[in-house]
Protein backbone atom coordinates (compact mmCIF):
# COMPACT_ATOMS: atom_id res chain seq x y z
CA MET A 1 106.58 130.51 107.93
CA ARG A 2 108.81 128.04 110.26
CA SER A 3 108.54 124.66 111.61
CA GLN A 4 107.98 123.91 115.22
CA PHE A 5 110.77 121.42 115.00
CA ASN A 6 114.25 122.42 114.65
CA VAL A 7 114.75 121.70 110.95
CA PRO A 8 117.02 123.59 108.39
CA ASP A 9 115.22 126.03 106.19
CA ASP A 10 116.19 124.21 102.99
CA VAL A 11 114.31 121.15 104.09
CA PHE A 12 111.25 122.45 105.50
CA MET A 13 108.35 122.42 103.20
CA ALA A 14 104.67 123.45 103.43
CA LEU A 15 102.16 123.57 100.91
CA GLU A 16 99.63 126.46 100.19
CA LEU A 17 96.37 125.01 99.52
CA ARG A 18 94.52 128.11 98.48
CA ALA A 19 96.20 130.64 96.39
CA GLY A 20 97.30 133.79 98.37
CA ALA A 21 96.30 132.12 101.95
CA TRP A 22 99.70 132.86 103.52
CA GLN A 23 99.66 136.53 102.25
CA ASN A 24 100.67 138.73 104.89
CA HIS A 25 101.02 135.89 107.29
CA ALA A 26 104.01 134.89 109.32
CA GLY A 27 104.84 132.58 112.23
CA LEU A 28 105.21 129.23 113.41
CA ILE A 29 103.47 126.26 112.02
CA ARG A 30 102.54 123.61 114.62
CA TYR A 31 101.59 120.17 114.06
CA GLN A 32 98.61 118.04 115.38
CA PRO A 33 99.66 115.70 118.33
CA GLU A 34 99.12 112.69 116.38
CA PHE A 35 102.34 113.84 114.06
CA THR A 36 104.32 115.04 116.97
CA GLU A 37 103.99 111.91 118.96
CA LEU A 38 105.56 109.76 116.37
CA GLY A 39 109.06 110.45 117.16
CA PRO A 40 112.29 109.06 115.67
């Protein structure tokens, strides 16, 4: 998994809420607009 934001892999974290939910999955994690509009 990777973030839609340009962040180093060692600081990007995601939590799997159900064991095995990400098994055989890969791709880009996108956030809801409410989070992306916060800005710095």
